[in-house]
Amino acid sequence: MPRRRRPRPSQGRPLQFNQTSETRGGRQWHVRRLTGATSHKAYVCPGCHREIPAGMAHVVVWPDEATSFVHASGVDERRHWHTACWERG
């Protein structure tokens, strides 16, 4: 009888790849630049409220520290922005 493969716990992708830090509005932000090849899902940009289609290069931004007790870390608050919207902000 063949052995069943146990599912591995999901650990997600590391967030340090292609990542920089920026200060905006007196807060420290982590910024990760995604290429179109690595974005497989559509998102809504919080800067312009328009869709970021799958396959379009954009940035993922999250605060260095959590802003509330609801979120355990700033990573829980990450948002996908059009690159131009983030740079304008």
N, C-alpha and C. Protein backbone atom coordinates (compact mmCIF):
# COMPACT_ATOMS: atom_id res chain seq x y z
N MET A 1 0.84 -1.17 0.00
CA MET A 1 0.00 0.00 0.00
C MET A 1 0.89 1.25 0.00
N PRO A 2 0.64 2.21 -0.90
CA PRO A 2 1.47 3.41 -0.94
C PRO A 2 1.24 4.29 0.29
N ARG A 3 2.31 4.98 0.67
CA ARG A 3 2.22 5.89 1.81
C ARG A 3 1.52 7.18 1.41
N ARG A 4 0.74 7.70 2.32
CA ARG A 4 0.09 9.00 2.06
C ARG A 4 1.05 10.11 2.42
N ARG A 5 1.07 11.12 1.62
CA ARG A 5 1.91 12.27 1.92
C ARG A 5 1.18 13.18 2.90
N ARG A 6 1.87 13.56 3.93
CA ARG A 6 1.29 14.48 4.90
C ARG A 6 1.36 15.90 4.35
N PRO A 7 0.30 16.67 4.48
CA PRO A 7 0.39 18.05 4.03
C PRO A 7 1.34 18.84 4.92
N ARG A 8 2.13 19.66 4.31
CA ARG A 8 3.06 20.50 5.06
C ARG A 8 2.35 21.77 5.49
N PRO A 9 2.68 22.27 6.67
CA PRO A 9 2.07 23.52 7.09
C PRO A 9 2.55 24.66 6.17
N SER A 10 1.63 25.51 5.83
CA SER A 10 1.97 26.63 4.95
C SER A 10 2.81 27.64 5.72
N GLN A 11 3.96 27.97 5.16
CA GLN A 11 4.81 28.95 5.80
C GLN A 11 4.83 30.25 5.02
N GLY A 12 4.18 30.31 3.88
CA GLY A 12 4.15 31.53 3.10
C GLY A 12 5.49 31.83 2.46
N ARG A 13 5.51 32.88 1.69
CA ARG A 13 6.75 33.29 1.05
C ARG A 13 7.49 34.27 1.94
N PRO A 14 8.80 34.25 1.94
CA PRO A 14 9.54 35.22 2.74
C PRO A 14 9.28 36.63 2.22
N LEU A 15 9.17 37.59 3.13
CA LEU A 15 8.84 38.95 2.73
C LEU A 15 10.08 39.85 2.58
N GLN A 16 11.27 39.31 2.78
CA GLN A 16 12.47 40.12 2.70
C GLN A 16 12.97 40.32 1.28
N PHE A 17 12.52 39.51 0.34
CA PHE A 17 13.02 39.57 -1.03
C PHE A 17 12.63 40.89 -1.70
N ASN A 18 13.61 41.58 -2.28
CA ASN A 18 13.37 42.81 -3.03
C ASN A 18 12.61 43.83 -2.18
N GLN A 19 13.01 43.97 -0.95
CA GLN A 19 12.30 44.80 0.01
C GLN A 19 13.16 45.98 0.45
N THR A 20 12.53 47.14 0.60
CA THR A 20 13.20 48.33 1.11
C THR A 20 12.38 48.91 2.25
N SER A 21 12.93 49.89 2.93
CA SER A 21 12.21 50.60 3.98
C SER A 21 12.12 52.06 3.61
N GLU A 22 10.97 52.67 3.89
CA GLU A 22 10.75 54.09 3.62
C GLU A 22 10.03 54.71 4.80
N THR A 23 10.23 56.00 4.99
CA THR A 23 9.51 56.74 6.02
C THR A 23 8.51 57.66 5.35
N ARG A 24 7.25 57.53 5.75
CA ARG A 24 6.17 58.37 5.23
C ARG A 24 5.24 58.72 6.37
N GLY A 25 4.86 59.98 6.45
CA GLY A 25 3.91 60.39 7.48
C GLY A 25 4.40 60.10 8.89
N GLY A 26 5.71 60.14 9.09
CA GLY A 26 6.27 59.88 10.40
C GLY A 26 6.32 58.41 10.79
N ARG A 27 6.00 57.51 9.87
CA ARG A 27 6.02 56.07 10.14
C ARG A 27 6.98 55.37 9.20
N GLN A 28 7.51 54.28 9.67
CA GLN A 28 8.39 53.45 8.87
C GLN A 28 7.57 52.41 8.13
N TRP A 29 7.81 52.24 6.82
CA TRP A 29 7.07 51.30 5.98
C TRP A 29 8.04 50.37 5.27
N HIS A 30 7.63 49.12 5.13
CA HIS A 30 8.36 48.16 4.30
C HIS A 30 7.70 48.19 2.93
N VAL A 31 8.52 48.23 1.89
CA VAL A 31 8.02 48.28 0.52
C VAL A 31 8.65 47.15 -0.27
N ARG A 32 7.81 46.33 -0.86
CA ARG A 32 8.30 45.22 -1.69
C ARG A 32 7.79 45.44 -3.11
N ARG A 33 8.69 45.44 -4.06
CA ARG A 33 8.34 45.64 -5.46
C ARG A 33 8.11 44.29 -6.13
N LEU A 34 6.92 44.13 -6.70
CA LEU A 34 6.57 42.89 -7.38
C LEU A 34 6.59 43.10 -8.89
N THR A 35 7.12 42.13 -9.59
CA THR A 35 7.08 42.18 -11.05
C THR A 35 5.74 41.62 -11.52
N GLY A 36 5.40 41.85 -12.74
CA GLY A 36 4.17 41.30 -13.27
C GLY A 36 4.17 39.78 -13.25
N ALA A 37 5.35 39.17 -13.39
CA ALA A 37 5.45 37.71 -13.42
C ALA A 37 5.14 37.08 -12.06
N THR A 38 5.29 37.85 -10.98
CA THR A 38 5.07 37.29 -9.65
C THR A 38 3.71 37.66 -9.06
N SER A 39 2.93 38.45 -9.78
CA SER A 39 1.61 38.81 -9.24
C SER A 39 0.53 38.04 -10.00
N HIS A 40 -0.15 37.18 -9.27
CA HIS A 40 -1.12 36.27 -9.89
C HIS A 40 -2.56 36.58 -9.52
N LYS A 41 -2.78 37.68 -8.85
CA LYS A 41 -4.10 37.99 -8.33
C LYS A 41 -4.39 39.47 -8.56
N ALA A 42 -5.64 39.84 -8.68
CA ALA A 42 -6.02 41.25 -8.81
C ALA A 42 -6.24 41.84 -7.41
N TYR A 43 -5.89 43.10 -7.23
CA TYR A 43 -6.05 43.81 -5.97
C TYR A 43 -6.67 45.18 -6.26
N VAL A 44 -7.12 45.86 -5.22
CA VAL A 44 -7.60 47.23 -5.36
C VAL A 44 -6.61 48.14 -4.66
N CYS A 45 -6.11 49.13 -5.38
CA CYS A 45 -5.12 50.07 -4.85
C CYS A 45 -5.80 51.02 -3.86
N PRO A 46 -5.26 51.17 -2.63
CA PRO A 46 -5.87 52.09 -1.68
C PRO A 46 -5.62 53.56 -2.03
N GLY A 47 -4.70 53.83 -2.94
CA GLY A 47 -4.41 55.21 -3.33
C GLY A 47 -5.42 55.79 -4.30
N CYS A 48 -5.85 54.98 -5.28
CA CYS A 48 -6.77 55.47 -6.30
C CYS A 48 -8.07 54.68 -6.36
N HIS A 49 -8.15 53.60 -5.59
CA HIS A 49 -9.33 52.72 -5.53
C HIS A 49 -9.64 52.06 -6.87
N ARG A 50 -8.62 51.90 -7.70
CA ARG A 50 -8.78 51.19 -8.97
C ARG A 50 -8.10 49.84 -8.87
N GLU A 51 -8.51 48.96 -9.77
CA GLU A 51 -7.96 47.61 -9.76
C GLU A 51 -6.52 47.57 -10.24
N ILE A 52 -5.73 46.72 -9.58
CA ILE A 52 -4.40 46.34 -10.06
C ILE A 52 -4.59 44.96 -10.65
N PRO A 53 -4.60 44.83 -11.97
CA PRO A 53 -4.88 43.52 -12.56
C PRO A 53 -3.75 42.51 -12.30
N ALA A 54 -4.09 41.25 -12.31
CA ALA A 54 -3.08 40.19 -12.18
C ALA A 54 -2.07 40.35 -13.31
N GLY A 55 -0.81 40.16 -12.99
CA GLY A 55 0.24 40.28 -14.00
C GLY A 55 0.81 41.67 -14.14
N MET A 56 0.32 42.64 -13.38
CA MET A 56 0.84 44.01 -13.45
C MET A 56 1.84 44.25 -12.32
N ALA A 57 2.97 44.83 -12.64
CA ALA A 57 3.96 45.15 -11.62
C ALA A 57 3.36 46.19 -10.66
N HIS A 58 3.63 46.03 -9.35
CA HIS A 58 3.13 46.96 -8.35
C HIS A 58 3.94 46.80 -7.07
N VAL A 59 3.59 47.53 -6.02
CA VAL A 59 4.30 47.41 -4.74
C VAL A 59 3.35 46.91 -3.66
N VAL A 60 3.93 46.20 -2.70
CA VAL A 60 3.20 45.78 -1.51
C VAL A 60 3.83 46.55 -0.36
N VAL A 61 2.98 47.20 0.45
CA VAL A 61 3.46 48.09 1.51
C VAL A 61 2.81 47.68 2.83
N TRP A 62 3.61 47.67 3.91
CA TRP A 62 3.06 47.41 5.23
C TRP A 62 3.89 48.15 6.27
N PRO A 63 3.24 48.56 7.37
CA PRO A 63 3.96 49.31 8.40
C PRO A 63 4.95 48.44 9.16
N ASP A 64 5.98 49.09 9.67
CA ASP A 64 6.99 48.39 10.44
C ASP A 64 6.40 47.81 11.72
N GLU A 65 5.45 48.52 12.32
CA GLU A 65 4.82 48.06 13.54
C GLU A 65 3.31 48.01 13.35
N ALA A 66 2.66 47.18 14.10
CA ALA A 66 1.20 47.07 14.03
C ALA A 66 0.57 48.37 14.53
N THR A 67 -0.59 48.71 13.96
CA THR A 67 -1.27 49.95 14.35
C THR A 67 -2.39 49.70 15.35
N SER A 68 -2.70 48.45 15.63
CA SER A 68 -3.76 48.15 16.59
C SER A 68 -3.51 46.79 17.23
N PHE A 69 -4.27 46.51 18.27
CA PHE A 69 -4.15 45.22 18.93
C PHE A 69 -4.77 44.10 18.10
N VAL A 70 -5.60 44.45 17.14
CA VAL A 70 -6.25 43.45 16.30
C VAL A 70 -5.22 42.74 15.42
N HIS A 71 -4.25 43.51 14.94
CA HIS A 71 -3.22 42.96 14.06
C HIS A 71 -1.97 42.65 14.88
N ALA A 72 -1.51 41.41 14.79
CA ALA A 72 -0.35 40.98 15.58
C ALA A 72 0.93 41.65 15.12
N SER A 73 1.01 41.97 13.83
CA SER A 73 2.21 42.63 13.30
C SER A 73 1.81 43.50 12.13
N GLY A 74 2.72 44.35 11.70
CA GLY A 74 2.45 45.21 10.56
C GLY A 74 2.20 44.43 9.28
N VAL A 75 2.75 43.22 9.18
CA VAL A 75 2.57 42.40 7.98
C VAL A 75 1.09 42.11 7.74
N ASP A 76 0.31 42.01 8.81
CA ASP A 76 -1.13 41.77 8.68
C ASP A 76 -1.84 42.94 8.00
N GLU A 77 -1.19 44.09 7.97
CA GLU A 77 -1.80 45.29 7.41
C GLU A 77 -1.25 45.63 6.02
N ARG A 78 -0.63 44.69 5.35
CA ARG A 78 -0.03 45.00 4.04
C ARG A 78 -1.11 45.29 3.00
N ARG A 79 -0.77 46.20 2.11
CA ARG A 79 -1.67 46.62 1.04
C ARG A 79 -0.91 46.68 -0.27
N HIS A 80 -1.61 46.40 -1.34
CA HIS A 80 -1.04 46.42 -2.69
C HIS A 80 -1.38 47.76 -3.34
N TRP A 81 -0.36 48.47 -3.81
CA TRP A 81 -0.51 49.79 -4.42
C TRP A 81 0.04 49.77 -5.84
N HIS A 82 -0.56 50.59 -6.72
CA HIS A 82 0.11 50.88 -7.99
C HIS A 82 1.42 51.57 -7.62
N THR A 83 2.47 51.29 -8.32
CA THR A 83 3.77 51.91 -8.02
C THR A 83 3.66 53.43 -8.07
N ALA A 84 3.01 53.97 -9.08
CA ALA A 84 2.88 55.42 -9.22
C ALA A 84 2.06 56.03 -8.07
N CYS A 85 1.02 55.36 -7.65
CA CYS A 85 0.20 55.87 -6.53
C CYS A 85 1.02 55.94 -5.24
N TRP A 86 1.82 54.89 -4.98
CA TRP A 86 2.65 54.89 -3.78
C TRP A 86 3.70 56.00 -3.86
N GLU A 87 4.34 56.16 -5.00
CA GLU A 87 5.37 57.18 -5.15
C GLU A 87 4.80 58.60 -5.06
N ARG A 88 3.56 58.79 -5.48
CA ARG A 88 2.90 60.10 -5.38
C ARG A 88 2.54 60.43 -3.93
N GLY A 89 2.17 59.36 -3.20
CA GLY A 89 1.61 59.50 -1.85
C GLY A 89 2.44 60.27 -0.91
